[in-house]
C-alpha atoms as a PDB file:
ATOM      1  CA  MET A   1      89.621 184.793 178.122  1.00  0.00           C
ATOM      2  CA  ARG A   2      89.127 183.812 174.505  1.00  0.00           C
ATOM      3  CA  SER A   3      85.751 184.199 172.947  1.00  0.00           C
ATOM      4  CA  ASP A   4      83.904 181.156 171.656  1.00  0.00           C
ATOM      5  CA  LYS A   5      84.627 182.363 168.140  1.00  0.00           C
ATOM      6  CA  SER A   6      88.327 182.736 168.852  1.00  0.00           C
ATOM      7  CA  LEU A   7      88.396 179.351 170.531  1.00  0.00           C
ATOM      8  CA  TRP A   8      86.676 177.785 167.568  1.00  0.00           C
ATOM      9  CA  ILE A   9      89.165 179.422 165.207  1.00  0.00           C
ATOM     10  CA  PHE A  10      92.068 178.360 167.388  1.00  0.00           C
ATOM     11  CA  GLN A  11      90.856 174.793 167.492  1.00  0.00           C
ATOM     12  CA  GLY A  12      90.451 174.948 163.763  1.00  0.00           C
ATOM     13  CA  LEU A  13      94.024 176.160 163.376  1.00  0.00           C
ATOM     14  CA  LYS A  14      95.224 173.273 165.495  1.00  0.00           C
ATOM     15  CA  LEU A  15      93.316 170.929 163.273  1.00  0.00           C
ATOM     16  CA  PHE A  16      94.770 172.637 160.217  1.00  0.00           C
ATOM     17  CA  ALA A  17      98.235 172.277 161.633  1.00  0.00           C
ATOM     18  CA  GLY A  18      97.544 168.638 162.294  1.00  0.00           C
ATOM     19  CA  ALA A  19      96.498 168.366 158.694  1.00  0.00           C
ATOM     20  CA  GLY A  20      99.689 170.056 157.531  1.00  0.00           C
ATOM     21  CA  LEU A  21      97.994 173.305 156.331  1.00  0.00           C
ATOM     22  CA  GLY A  22      98.051 175.663 159.408  1.00  0.00           C
ATOM     23  CA  ALA A  23     101.749 176.581 159.068  1.00  0.00           C
ATOM     24  CA  ALA A  24     101.279 177.797 155.567  1.00  0.00           C
ATOM     25  CA  ILE A  25      98.368 180.018 156.556  1.00  0.00           C
ATOM     26  CA  LEU A  26     100.151 181.489 159.555  1.00  0.00           C
ATOM     27  CA  MET A  27     103.159 182.365 157.540  1.00  0.00           C
ATOM     28  CA  SER A  28     101.006 184.311 155.082  1.00  0.00           C
ATOM     29  CA  GLY A  29     100.313 187.047 157.763  1.00  0.00           C
ATOM     30  CA  ALA A  30      96.514 186.830 157.400  1.00  0.00           C
ATOM     31  CA  SER A  31      94.105 185.543 159.991  1.00  0.00           C
ATOM     32  CA  PRO A  32      92.300 182.304 159.271  1.00  0.00           C
ATOM     33  CA  ALA A  33      88.920 183.997 159.397  1.00  0.00           C
ATOM     34  CA  GLY A  34      90.009 186.733 157.043  1.00  0.00           C
ATOM     35  CA  ALA A  35      91.528 184.349 154.542  1.00  0.00           C
ATOM     36  CA  PHE A  36      88.675 181.807 154.407  1.00  0.00           C
ATOM     37  CA  GLY A  37      85.615 183.129 156.263  1.00  0.00           C
ATOM     38  CA  HIS A  38      83.985 181.075 158.960  1.00  0.00           C
ATOM     39  CA  ASP A  39      81.797 178.954 156.720  1.00  0.00           C
ATOM     40  CA  LYS A  40      84.557 178.226 154.296  1.00  0.00           C
ATOM     41  CA  LEU A  41      86.927 177.474 157.159  1.00  0.00           C
ATOM     42  CA  ARG A  42      84.417 175.043 158.644  1.00  0.00           C
ATOM     43  CA  ASP A  43      83.979 173.299 155.323  1.00  0.00           C
ATOM     44  CA  THR A  44      87.682 173.110 154.784  1.00  0.00           C
ATOM     45  CA  ILE A  45      88.282 171.749 158.294  1.00  0.00           C
ATOM     46  CA  ASN A  46      85.592 169.149 157.812  1.00  0.00           C
ATOM     47  CA  ARG A  47      87.022 168.124 154.459  1.00  0.00           C
ATOM     48  CA  LEU A  48      90.600 167.925 155.691  1.00  0.00           C
ATOM     49  CA  THR A  49      89.803 166.121 158.905  1.00  0.00           C
ATOM     50  CA  GLN A  50      87.766 163.356 157.293  1.00  0.00           C
ATOM     51  CA  PRO A  51      89.674 160.101 156.982  1.00  0.00           C
ATOM     52  CA  PRO A  52      91.036 159.732 153.482  1.00  0.00           C
ATOM     53  CA  PRO A  53      88.803 157.655 151.234  1.00  0.00           C
ATOM     54  CA  ALA A  54      89.944 154.228 150.329  1.00  0.00           C
ATOM     55  CA  PRO A  55      91.884 154.290 147.099  1.00  0.00           C
ATOM     56  CA  ARG A  56      89.719 153.457 144.123  1.00  0.00           C
ATOM     57  CA  GLN A  57      90.664 150.267 142.407  1.00  0.00           C
ATOM     58  CA  ALA A  58      90.624 150.162 138.672  1.00  0.00           C
ATOM     59  CA  PRO A  59      87.844 147.908 137.440  1.00  0.00           C
ATOM     60  CA  ALA A  60      88.943 144.543 136.177  1.00  0.00           C
ATOM     61  CA  PRO A  61      89.006 144.443 132.409  1.00  0.00           C
ATOM     62  CA  ALA A  62      85.884 142.868 131.010  1.00  0.00           C
ATOM     63  CA  ALA A  63      86.355 139.462 129.443  1.00  0.00           C
ATOM     64  CA  LYS A  64      86.212 139.554 125.686  1.00  0.00           C
ATOM     65  CA  PRO A  65      83.015 137.923 124.532  1.00  0.00           C
ATOM     66  CA  THR A  66      83.344 134.862 122.363  1.00  0.00           C
ATOM     67  CA  PRO A  67      82.226 135.864 118.885  1.00  0.00           C
ATOM     68  CA  ALA A  68      79.115 134.098 117.743  1.00  0.00           C
ATOM     69  CA  PRO A  69      79.432 132.056 114.566  1.00  0.00           C
ATOM     70  CA  THR A  70      78.623 134.063 111.492  1.00  0.00           C
ATOM     71  CA  ALA A  71      77.661 133.117 108.008  1.00  0.00           C
ATOM     72  CA  GLN A  72      81.293 133.654 107.046  1.00  0.00           C
ATOM     73  CA  THR A  73      82.585 131.200 109.658  1.00  0.00           C
ATOM     74  CA  PRO A  74      83.016 127.851 107.914  1.00  0.00           C
ATOM     75  CA  PRO A  75      81.603 124.865 109.775  1.00  0.00           C
ATOM     76  CA  PRO A  76      84.062 122.229 110.950  1.00  0.00           C
ATOM     77  CA  PRO A  77      84.777 119.652 108.260  1.00  0.00           C
ATOM     78  CA  PRO A  78      82.649 116.526 108.559  1.00  0.00           C
ATOM     79  CA  ARG A  79      84.362 113.431 109.819  1.00  0.00           C
ATOM     80  CA  ARG A  80      85.209 111.052 107.045  1.00  0.00           C
ATOM     81  CA  ARG A  81      83.559 107.716 107.465  1.00  0.00           C
ATOM     82  CA  ALA A  82      85.811 104.722 107.634  1.00  0.00           C
ATOM     83  CA  PRO A  83      85.671 102.835 104.329  1.00  0.00           C
ATOM     84  CA  LYS A  84      83.629  99.656 104.216  1.00  0.00           C
ATOM     85  CA  ARG A  85      85.848  96.841 102.985  1.00  0.00           C
ATOM     86  CA  SER A  86      85.279  93.147 102.683  1.00  0.00           C
ATOM     87  CA  ILE A  87      86.494  90.004 100.945  1.00  0.00           C
ATOM     88  CA  THR A  88      83.963  87.360  99.928  1.00  0.00           C
ATOM     89  CA  GLN A  89      84.318  84.190  97.917  1.00  0.00           C
ATOM     90  CA  ILE A  90      82.642  84.213  94.502  1.00  0.00           C
ATOM     91  CA  ALA A  91      83.494  80.665  93.451  1.00  0.00           C
ATOM     92  CA  GLY A  92      86.448  78.339  93.990  1.00  0.00           C
ATOM     93  CA  ASP A  93      89.622  80.389  94.287  1.00  0.00           C
ATOM     94  CA  VAL A  94      88.049  83.591  92.922  1.00  0.00           C
ATOM     95  CA  TYR A  95      87.080  86.301  95.405  1.00  0.00           C
ATOM     96  CA  GLN A  96      85.470  89.709  95.378  1.00  0.00           C
ATOM     97  CA  PHE A  97      87.126  92.620  97.147  1.00  0.00           C
ATOM     98  CA  LYS A  98      84.671  95.400  97.960  1.00  0.00           C
ATOM     99  CA  ASN A  99      85.770  98.919  98.870  1.00  0.00           C
ATOM    100  CA  ASN A 100      82.645 100.978  99.574  1.00  0.00           C
ATOM    101  CA  PHE A 101      80.829 100.994  96.208  1.00  0.00           C
ATOM    102  CA  HIS A 102      83.667  99.598  94.083  1.00  0.00           C
ATOM    103  CA  ASN A 103      84.405  95.935  93.438  1.00  0.00           C
ATOM    104  CA  SER A 104      87.527  94.202  92.267  1.00  0.00           C
ATOM    105  CA  ALA A 105      88.181  90.492  91.786  1.00  0.00           C
ATOM    106  CA  PHE A 106      91.192  88.305  92.465  1.00  0.00           C
ATOM    107  CA  MET A 107      92.224  84.685  92.169  1.00  0.00           C
ATOM    108  CA  VAL A 108      94.430  82.932  94.709  1.00  0.00           C
ATOM    109  CA  THR A 109      96.928  80.367  93.394  1.00  0.00           C
ATOM    110  CA  PRO A 110      99.748  78.390  95.051  1.00  0.00           C
ATOM    111  CA  SER A 111     102.226  80.843  93.492  1.00  0.00           C
ATOM    112  CA  GLY A 112     100.475  84.089  94.316  1.00  0.00           C
ATOM    113  CA  VAL A 113      97.479  86.254  93.462  1.00  0.00           C
ATOM    114  CA  ILE A 114      96.099  87.593  90.174  1.00  0.00           C
ATOM    115  CA  LEU A 115      94.265  90.856  90.927  1.00  0.00           C
ATOM    116  CA  VAL A 116      91.903  92.840  88.715  1.00  0.00           C
ATOM    117  CA  ASP A 117      91.875  96.552  89.687  1.00  0.00           C
ATOM    118  CA  PRO A 118      93.501  97.937  92.858  1.00  0.00           C
ATOM    119  CA  ILE A 119      90.741 100.631  93.250  1.00  0.00           C
ATOM    120  CA  ASN A 120      92.824 103.156  95.207  1.00  0.00           C
ATOM    121  CA  LYS A 121      95.925 103.437  97.366  1.00  0.00           C
ATOM    122  CA  GLY A 122      94.199 102.993 100.723  1.00  0.00           C
ATOM    123  CA  ALA A 123      92.201 100.029  99.474  1.00  0.00           C
ATOM    124  CA  SER A 124      95.333  98.473  98.018  1.00  0.00           C
ATOM    125  CA  ALA A 125      97.260  98.786 101.271  1.00  0.00           C
ATOM    126  CA  TRP A 126      94.403  97.129 103.157  1.00  0.00           C
ATOM    127  CA  LEU A 127      94.050  94.358 100.584  1.00  0.00           C
ATOM    128  CA  LYS A 128      97.781  93.684 100.520  1.00  0.00           C
ATOM    129  CA  ALA A 129      97.820  93.145 104.268  1.00  0.00           C
ATOM    130  CA  GLU A 130      94.701  90.949 104.147  1.00  0.00           C
ATOM    131  CA  LEU A 131      96.079  88.745 101.376  1.00  0.00           C
ATOM    132  CA  SER A 132      99.196  88.174 103.430  1.00  0.00           C
ATOM    133  CA  ARG A 133      97.228  87.481 106.605  1.00  0.00           C
ATOM    134  CA  ARG A 134      94.516  85.260 105.135  1.00  0.00           C
ATOM    135  CA  PHE A 135      96.320  83.458 102.328  1.00  0.00           C
ATOM    136  CA  ASN A 136     100.020  84.096 102.946  1.00  0.00           C
ATOM    137  CA  ARG A 137     100.268  85.228  99.317  1.00  0.00           C
ATOM    138  CA  SER A 138     101.493  88.309  97.492  1.00  0.00           C
ATOM    139  CA  VAL A 139     100.059  89.817  94.309  1.00  0.00           C
ATOM    140  CA  ARG A 140     101.979  88.642  91.247  1.00  0.00           C
ATOM    141  CA  TYR A 141      99.838  90.219  88.511  1.00  0.00           C
ATOM    142  CA  VAL A 142      97.708  93.375  88.516  1.00  0.00           C
ATOM    143  CA  ILE A 143      95.285  93.678  85.605  1.00  0.00           C
ATOM    144  CA  TYR A 144      93.651  97.024  84.816  1.00  0.00           C
ATOM    145  CA  SER A 145      90.065  96.692  83.531  1.00  0.00           C
ATOM    146  CA  HIS A 146      90.286 100.096  81.793  1.00  0.00           C
ATOM    147  CA  ASP A 147      91.967 103.435  82.380  1.00  0.00           C
ATOM    148  CA  HIS A 148      89.480 105.209  84.681  1.00  0.00           C
ATOM    149  CA  ALA A 149      91.138 106.338  87.894  1.00  0.00           C
ATOM    150  CA  ASP A 150      88.342 105.352  90.285  1.00  0.00           C
ATOM    151  CA  HIS A 151      89.125 101.677  89.610  1.00  0.00           C
ATOM    152  CA  ILE A 152      92.868 101.525  88.956  1.00  0.00           C
ATOM    153  CA  SER A 153      94.472 104.033  91.340  1.00  0.00           C
ATOM    154  CA  GLY A 154      96.994 102.818  93.887  1.00  0.00           C
ATOM    155  CA  GLY A 155      98.605 100.097  91.808  1.00  0.00           C
ATOM    156  CA  GLU A 156     102.027 101.169  92.999  1.00  0.00           C
ATOM    157  CA  VAL A 157     101.289  99.499  96.346  1.00  0.00           C
ATOM    158  CA  PHE A 158     101.909  96.147  94.621  1.00  0.00           C
ATOM    159  CA  ALA A 159     104.912  97.260  92.560  1.00  0.00           C
ATOM    160  CA  ASP A 160     107.321  95.332  94.791  1.00  0.00           C
ATOM    161  CA  SER A 161     105.894  91.986  93.684  1.00  0.00           C
ATOM    162  CA  ALA A 162     103.601  92.383  90.668  1.00  0.00           C
ATOM    163  CA  ILE A 163     103.640  92.729  86.895  1.00  0.00           C
ATOM    164  CA  PHE A 164     101.037  95.172  85.528  1.00  0.00           C
ATOM    165  CA  ILE A 165      98.889  94.403  82.473  1.00  0.00           C
ATOM    166  CA  ALA A 166      96.379  96.497  80.487  1.00  0.00           C
ATOM    167  CA  HIS A 167      94.994  97.073  77.017  1.00  0.00           C
ATOM    168  CA  ALA A 168      97.364  99.109  74.851  1.00  0.00           C
ATOM    169  CA  ALA A 169      94.893 102.007  74.662  1.00  0.00           C
ATOM    170  CA  ALA A 170      94.546 101.954  78.444  1.00  0.00           C
ATOM    171  CA  LYS A 171      98.299 102.357  78.880  1.00  0.00           C
ATOM    172  CA  ARG A 172      98.196 105.327  76.514  1.00  0.00           C
ATOM    173  CA  ASP A 173      95.545 107.086  78.616  1.00  0.00           C
ATOM    174  CA  ILE A 174      97.076 106.091  81.955  1.00  0.00           C
ATOM    175  CA  ILE A 175     100.281 107.831  80.926  1.00  0.00           C
ATOM    176  CA  ASP A 176      98.765 110.768  79.023  1.00  0.00           C
ATOM    177  CA  GLU A 177      96.204 111.531  81.735  1.00  0.00           C
ATOM    178  CA  ALA A 178      98.739 110.949  84.530  1.00  0.00           C
ATOM    179  CA  ARG A 179      96.509 108.465  86.335  1.00  0.00           C
ATOM    180  CA  PRO A 180      97.669 108.032  89.952  1.00  0.00           C
ATOM    181  CA  THR A 181      98.836 104.459  89.554  1.00  0.00           C
ATOM    182  CA  GLN A 182     101.649 102.256  88.316  1.00  0.00           C
ATOM    183  CA  ALA A 183     101.977 102.245  84.521  1.00  0.00           C
ATOM    184  CA  PRO A 184     101.416  98.873  82.803  1.00  0.00           C
ATOM    185  CA  ASP A 185     104.432  96.690  82.031  1.00  0.00           C
ATOM    186  CA  ILE A 186     102.670  94.533  79.430  1.00  0.00           C
ATOM    187  CA  THR A 187      99.890  95.450  76.978  1.00  0.00           C
ATOM    188  CA  PHE A 188      97.727  93.604  74.461  1.00  0.00           C
ATOM    189  CA  THR A 189      95.024  94.502  71.928  1.00  0.00           C
ATOM    190  CA  ASP A 190      92.828  91.394  71.512  1.00  0.00           C
ATOM    191  CA  THR A 191      93.231  88.537  74.016  1.00  0.00           C
ATOM    192  CA  MET A 192      95.838  87.432  76.521  1.00  0.00           C
ATOM    193  CA  THR A 193      96.108  84.509  78.942  1.00  0.00           C
ATOM    194  CA  VAL A 194      97.821  84.857  82.310  1.00  0.00           C
ATOM    195  CA  GLU A 195      98.932  81.598  83.960  1.00  0.00           C
ATOM    196  CA  LEU A 196     100.062  81.361  87.569  1.00  0.00           C
ATOM    197  CA  GLY A 197     100.323  78.420  89.942  1.00  0.00           C
ATOM    198  CA  GLY A 198      98.534  76.043  87.577  1.00  0.00           C
ATOM    199  CA  LYS A 199      95.538  78.363  87.135  1.00  0.00           C
ATOM    200  CA  MET A 200      94.653  80.887  84.441  1.00  0.00           C
ATOM    201  CA  ALA A 201      92.852  84.131  83.728  1.00  0.00           C
ATOM    202  CA  VAL A 202      91.837  85.063  80.176  1.00  0.00           C
ATOM    203  CA  LEU A 203      91.785  88.751  79.235  1.00  0.00           C
ATOM    204  CA  SER A 204      89.610  89.843  76.284  1.00  0.00           C
ATOM    205  CA  PHE A 205      88.848  93.087  74.494  1.00  0.00           C
ATOM    206  CA  VAL A 206      85.195  92.843  73.418  1.00  0.00           C
ATOM    207  CA  GLY A 207      84.878  96.286  71.823  1.00  0.00           C
ATOM    208  CA  ARG A 208      84.517  99.912  72.840  1.00  0.00           C
ATOM    209  CA  ASN A 209      81.734 100.806  75.273  1.00  0.00           C
ATOM    210  CA  HIS A 210      82.196 102.831  78.471  1.00  0.00           C
ATOM    211  CA  SER A 211      85.724 103.516  77.220  1.00  0.00           C
ATOM    212  CA  ASP A 212      87.827 102.536  74.224  1.00  0.00           C
ATOM    213  CA  ASN A 213      90.031 100.253  76.321  1.00  0.00           C
ATOM    214  CA  SER A 214      87.752  98.210  78.607  1.00  0.00           C
ATOM    215  CA  ILE A 215      88.522  94.512  78.874  1.00  0.00           C
ATOM    216  CA  VAL A 216      86.783  91.578  80.548  1.00  0.00           C
ATOM    217  CA  VAL A 217      88.602  88.984  82.642  1.00  0.00           C
ATOM    218  CA  SER A 218      87.445  85.367  82.635  1.00  0.00           C
ATOM    219  CA  PHE A 219      88.356  82.806  85.273  1.00  0.00           C
ATOM    220  CA  PRO A 220      87.422  79.668  83.288  1.00  0.00           C
ATOM    221  CA  ALA A 221      87.758  77.081  86.064  1.00  0.00           C
ATOM    222  CA  GLU A 222      85.294  79.000  88.244  1.00  0.00           C
ATOM    223  CA  ARG A 223      83.142  80.159  85.277  1.00  0.00           C
ATOM    224  CA  VAL A 224      83.346  83.734  86.541  1.00  0.00           C
ATOM    225  CA  LEU A 225      83.542  86.778  84.247  1.00  0.00           C
ATOM    226  CA  HIS A 226      84.639  90.098  85.750  1.00  0.00           C
ATOM    227  CA  VAL A 227      83.260  93.108  83.846  1.00  0.00           C
ATOM    228  CA  VAL A 228      83.674  96.702  85.001  1.00  0.00           C
ATOM    229  CA  ASP A 229      81.280  99.624  84.435  1.00  0.00           C
ATOM    230  CA  PHE A 230      79.769  98.801  81.033  1.00  0.00           C
ATOM    231  CA  ILE A 231      77.393  96.044  82.269  1.00  0.00           C
ATOM    232  CA  PRO A 232      75.770  97.107  85.549  1.00  0.00           C
ATOM    233  CA  VAL A 233      73.601  94.455  87.191  1.00  0.00           C
ATOM    234  CA  LYS A 234      69.971  95.537  87.693  1.00  0.00           C
ATOM    235  CA  SER A 235      71.114  99.141  87.594  1.00  0.00           C
ATOM    236  CA  VAL A 236      70.770 102.045  85.188  1.00  0.00           C
ATOM    237  CA  ALA A 237      73.904 103.437  83.577  1.00  0.00           C
ATOM    238  CA  PHE A 238      76.254 105.893  85.252  1.00  0.00           C
ATOM    239  CA  ARG A 239      75.362 109.578  85.107  1.00  0.00           C
ATOM    240  CA  ASP A 240      75.130 110.953  81.545  1.00  0.00           C
ATOM    241  CA  LEU A 241      76.965 108.027  79.907  1.00  0.00           C
ATOM    242  CA  PRO A 242      80.454 109.591  79.969  1.00  0.00           C
ATOM    243  CA  ASP A 243      83.228 108.292  77.699  1.00  0.00           C
ATOM    244  CA  THR A 244      80.689 106.281  75.682  1.00  0.00           C
ATOM    245  CA  TYR A 245      80.901 104.734  72.219  1.00  0.00           C
ATOM    246  CA  LEU A 246      77.239 103.955  71.711  1.00  0.00           C
ATOM    247  CA  ASP A 247      77.131 101.678  68.654  1.00  0.00           C
ATOM    248  CA  ASP A 248      80.186  99.751  69.822  1.00  0.00           C
ATOM    249  CA  TRP A 249      78.595  99.348  73.235  1.00  0.00           C
ATOM    250  CA  PHE A 250      75.791  97.241  71.774  1.00  0.00           C
ATOM    251  CA  THR A 251      78.355  95.135  69.927  1.00  0.00           C
ATOM    252  CA  SER A 252      80.396  94.543  73.074  1.00  0.00           C
ATOM    253  CA  LEU A 253      77.268  93.484  74.988  1.00  0.00           C
ATOM    254  CA  LYS A 254      76.469  90.882  72.342  1.00  0.00           C
ATOM    255  CA  ASN A 255      80.068  89.675  72.439  1.00  0.00           C
ATOM    256  CA  VAL A 256      79.822  89.162  76.197  1.00  0.00           C
ATOM    257  CA  GLU A 257      76.532  87.292  75.815  1.00  0.00           C
ATOM    258  CA  ALA A 258      78.325  84.868  73.503  1.00  0.00           C
ATOM    259  CA  MET A 259      81.002  84.077  76.100  1.00  0.00           C
ATOM    260  CA  ASP A 260      80.958  80.985  78.324  1.00  0.00           C
ATOM    261  CA  PHE A 261      80.372  81.914  81.984  1.00  0.00           C
ATOM    262  CA  ASP A 262      77.852  81.498  84.791  1.00  0.00           C
ATOM    263  CA  ILE A 263      78.622  84.342  87.198  1.00  0.00           C
ATOM    264  CA  LEU A 264      78.941  87.983  86.195  1.00  0.00           C
ATOM    265  CA  SER A 265      81.187  89.892  88.606  1.00  0.00           C
ATOM    266  CA  PRO A 266      80.610  93.655  88.099  1.00  0.00           C
ATOM    267  CA  GLY A 267      82.710  96.656  89.108  1.00  0.00           C
ATOM    268  CA  HIS A 268      79.802  97.950  91.221  1.00  0.00           C
ATOM    269  CA  GLY A 269      76.825  96.365  92.899  1.00  0.00           C
ATOM    270  CA  ARG A 270      75.659  92.774  93.139  1.00  0.00           C
ATOM    271  CA  LEU A 271      76.737  89.644  91.287  1.00  0.00           C
ATOM    272  CA  GLY A 272      74.743  88.691  88.206  1.00  0.00           C
ATOM    273  CA  ASN A 273      74.596  86.297  85.280  1.00  0.00           C
ATOM    274  CA  LYS A 274      74.100  86.273  81.528  1.00  0.00           C
ATOM    275  CA  ASP A 275      70.442  87.274  81.872  1.00  0.00           C
ATOM    276  CA  ASP A 276      71.607  90.547  83.399  1.00  0.00           C
ATOM    277  CA  VAL A 277      73.689  91.259  80.308  1.00  0.00           C
ATOM    278  CA  ARG A 278      70.598  90.824  78.134  1.00  0.00           C
ATOM    279  CA  ALA A 279      68.517  92.930  80.511  1.00  0.00           C
ATOM    280  CA  PHE A 280      70.938  95.831  80.388  1.00  0.00           C
ATOM    281  CA  ARG A 281      71.128  95.636  76.606  1.00  0.00           C
ATOM    282  CA  GLY A 282      67.326  95.851  76.606  1.00  0.00           C
ATOM    283  CA  TYR A 283      67.467  98.943  78.820  1.00  0.00           C
ATOM    284  CA  LEU A 284      70.031 100.646  76.623  1.00  0.00           C
ATOM    285  CA  THR A 285      68.102  99.761  73.461  1.00  0.00           C
ATOM    286  CA  SER A 286      64.815 101.127  74.810  1.00  0.00           C
ATOM    287  CA  LEU A 287      66.495 104.302  76.030  1.00  0.00           C
ATOM    288  CA  ARG A 288      68.155 104.890  72.665  1.00  0.00           C
ATOM    289  CA  ASP A 289      64.981 104.227  70.661  1.00  0.00           C
ATOM    290  CA  GLN A 290      62.741 106.494  72.756  1.00  0.00           C
ATOM    291  CA  VAL A 291      65.228 109.346  72.763  1.00  0.00           C
ATOM    292  CA  THR A 292      65.923 109.011  69.032  1.00  0.00           C
ATOM    293  CA  LYS A 293      62.211 109.161  68.186  1.00  0.00           C
ATOM    294  CA  LEU A 294      61.726 112.376  70.133  1.00  0.00           C
ATOM    295  CA  ALA A 295      64.930 113.928  68.808  1.00  0.00           C
ATOM    296  CA  ARG A 296      63.739 113.275  65.258  1.00  0.00           C
ATOM    297  CA  ALA A 297      60.480 114.997  66.148  1.00  0.00           C
ATOM    298  CA  GLY A 298      62.451 118.118  67.012  1.00  0.00           C
ATOM    299  CA  ARG A 299      62.151 117.906  70.786  1.00  0.00           C
ATOM    300  CA  SER A 300      64.746 119.654  72.937  1.00  0.00           C
ATOM    301  CA  ALA A 301      66.885 117.950  75.556  1.00  0.00           C
ATOM    302  CA  ASP A 302      64.665 119.353  78.329  1.00  0.00           C
ATOM    303  CA  GLU A 303      61.524 118.095  76.615  1.00  0.00           C
ATOM    304  CA  VAL A 304      63.003 114.655  76.096  1.00  0.00           C
ATOM    305  CA  ALA A 305      64.185 114.458  79.718  1.00  0.00           C
ATOM    306  CA  ALA A 306      60.665 115.315  80.882  1.00  0.00           C
ATOM    307  CA  THR A 307      59.059 112.728  78.581  1.00  0.00           C
ATOM    308  CA  VAL A 308      61.256 109.633  78.730  1.00  0.00           C
ATOM    309  CA  THR A 309      60.780 108.007  82.140  1.00  0.00           C
ATOM    310  CA  MET A 310      61.786 104.354  81.547  1.00  0.00           C
ATOM    311  CA  ASP A 311      59.193 103.293  84.135  1.00  0.00           C
ATOM    312  CA  LYS A 312      59.851  99.617  83.500  1.00  0.00           C
ATOM    313  CA  TYR A 313      63.219 100.029  85.228  1.00  0.00           C
ATOM    314  CA  ARG A 314      62.034 102.123  88.174  1.00  0.00           C
ATOM    315  CA  ASN A 315      63.121  99.444  90.663  1.00  0.00           C
ATOM    316  CA  TRP A 316      66.663  99.276  89.334  1.00  0.00           C
ATOM    317  CA  SER A 317      69.518 100.657  91.373  1.00  0.00           C
ATOM    318  CA  GLY A 318      70.374 104.268  90.595  1.00  0.00           C
ATOM    319  CA  TYR A 319      67.060 105.023  88.892  1.00  0.00           C
ATOM    320  CA  ASP A 320      66.081 108.048  90.986  1.00  0.00           C
ATOM    321  CA  ARG A 321      69.586 109.448  90.950  1.00  0.00           C
ATOM    322  CA  PHE A 322      70.635 108.883  87.351  1.00  0.00           C
ATOM    323  CA  ILE A 323      67.645 108.350  85.044  1.00  0.00           C
ATOM    324  CA  LYS A 324      67.416 111.986  83.922  1.00  0.00           C
ATOM    325  CA  HIS A 325      71.179 112.038  83.411  1.00  0.00           C
ATOM    326  CA  ASN A 326      70.922 108.858  81.328  1.00  0.00           C
ATOM    327  CA  VAL A 327      68.254 110.440  79.126  1.00  0.00           C
ATOM    328  CA  ARG A 328      70.221 113.644  78.596  1.00  0.00           C
ATOM    329  CA  GLY A 329      73.397 111.715  77.914  1.00  0.00           C
ATOM    330  CA  MET A 330      71.634 109.548  75.358  1.00  0.00           C
ATOM    331  CA  TYR A 331      70.150 112.655  73.745  1.00  0.00           C
ATOM    332  CA  GLY A 332      73.629 114.072  73.256  1.00  0.00           C
ATOM    333  CA  LEU A 333      74.893 110.810  71.763  1.00  0.00           C
ATOM    334  CA  VAL A 334      71.906 110.495  69.432  1.00  0.00           C
ATOM    335  CA  GLN A 335      72.231 114.063  68.193  1.00  0.00           C
ATOM    336  CA  GLN A 336      75.944 113.598  67.724  1.00  0.00           C
ATOM    337  CA  ASN A 337      75.355 110.659  65.391  1.00  0.00           C
ATOM    338  CA  ARG A 338      72.525 112.039  63.261  1.00  0.00           C
ATOM    339  CA  ARG A 339      72.107 114.860  60.789  1.00  0.00           C
ATOM    340  CA  PRO A 340      68.639 116.449  60.833  1.00  0.00           C
ATOM    341  CA  ASN A 341      67.006 117.578  57.606  1.00  0.00           C
ATOM    342  CA  LEU A 342      67.931 121.102  56.611  1.00  0.00           C
ATOM    343  CA  ARG A 343      65.082 123.518  56.214  1.00  0.00           C
ATOM    344  CA  PRO A 344      64.607 124.485  52.568  1.00  0.00           C
ATOM    345  CA  ARG A 345      65.638 128.006  51.778  1.00  0.00           C
ATOM    346  CA  PRO A 346      62.863 130.332  50.660  1.00  0.00           C
ATOM    347  CA  PRO A 347      63.025 131.193  46.946  1.00  0.00           C
ATOM    348  CA  ARG A 348      64.717 134.464  46.116  1.00  0.00           C
END
């Protein structure tokens, strides 16, 4: 009869064999107890007879976190606002076309439209469609008020039907500066009359001012005068008076005052009249005189900008934005046109 120990070992061997290990041990010629010892054999039997653990599954890869915006990440570009465009009647057959802050003028005749300034390509495309829809007319003449691109760009939109007119000096700059518009076909230096469909527009060069090629366009039947940039209505001047011929500017203002019209149609802002021409000349005169006085006293540009406030015109459009620029621009023009006294040299 087997002892309990032998029985335990025998049962263990059976378990080993069931686990696929007993045959290897028996073939080695050593007894199970001698090869492992009882404790080790028990541990081995327990380990081998336990059901195999469930296979470990690899953890799912962690989702990559979305990087937070950093200072280097540019914000999305702001949405461009749709341009504000409108057509309003000024008088008779003369209308104002407004594109955001820019104004142009046009006259409708039985034979087509005379347009002053296309403004830009998008504005021109819109206006072309509106003229066809509202009046069933195409543009026959495009007149450039001066050479600055913010008023005359996009003229090529009307090239299929229009003749282009400008001052001779404007054509020079349009070509030399590669303005993004159609080059003029016809130029003049003093005055020119454009007739279409029994109506007329009179083009006049009144002197240098905001450029050396600005013209004014009169619509005599409607008593409307279209003037761009050099006579703002109840508004200070633009920025630091760029492209300015100061002495000539005063002359051109007086020349406009002598013209026969009732309604002043500006390139920006509201409609005006002859009183607004006088008012702007008063503004420009006061600005020049105050700046000149301080410049002659040896004040710097910073000192002059801090002193000259033009409070009388505080309610004018553009005052808060441009008044300091106006003062600094005038300071540069005044200094450009004067020669201060030289300090005497000390005796040797």
